[in-house]
Amino acid sequence: MSKPDYAPGEKIELRYPVVLVHGIARNDIQGRFQPWGRIPEVLRENGVEVYFGNTDAWGDILSNARILKETVDSILENTSHQRVKI
């Protein structure tokens, strides 16, 4: 297994924020069950700006595309970023 390019706790320099988007049958946050596990927390601890896609676990492609577009548009409007990483 290769070593990461950074040490734990070292800030990760990304030009754009990260938007985590789940696939089918998952929401970003479901009560006590956190489907992303520690991923958002660890990314944030390492200096990454993290957002959730807010898509509907059981929605269709078109409605989820609209939701994701609204989420990305909102992030861009409320930050100084011009792009996001999905």
Foldseek 3Di string as FASTA:
>chain_A
DDDDPDDQQAADDDQAAAEDEDEAPDFCDDPPDHVVPCVVVSNVSRPHHYHYQRADNHDDPVVSVVSSVVVQVVVVVVDVDPGYHD
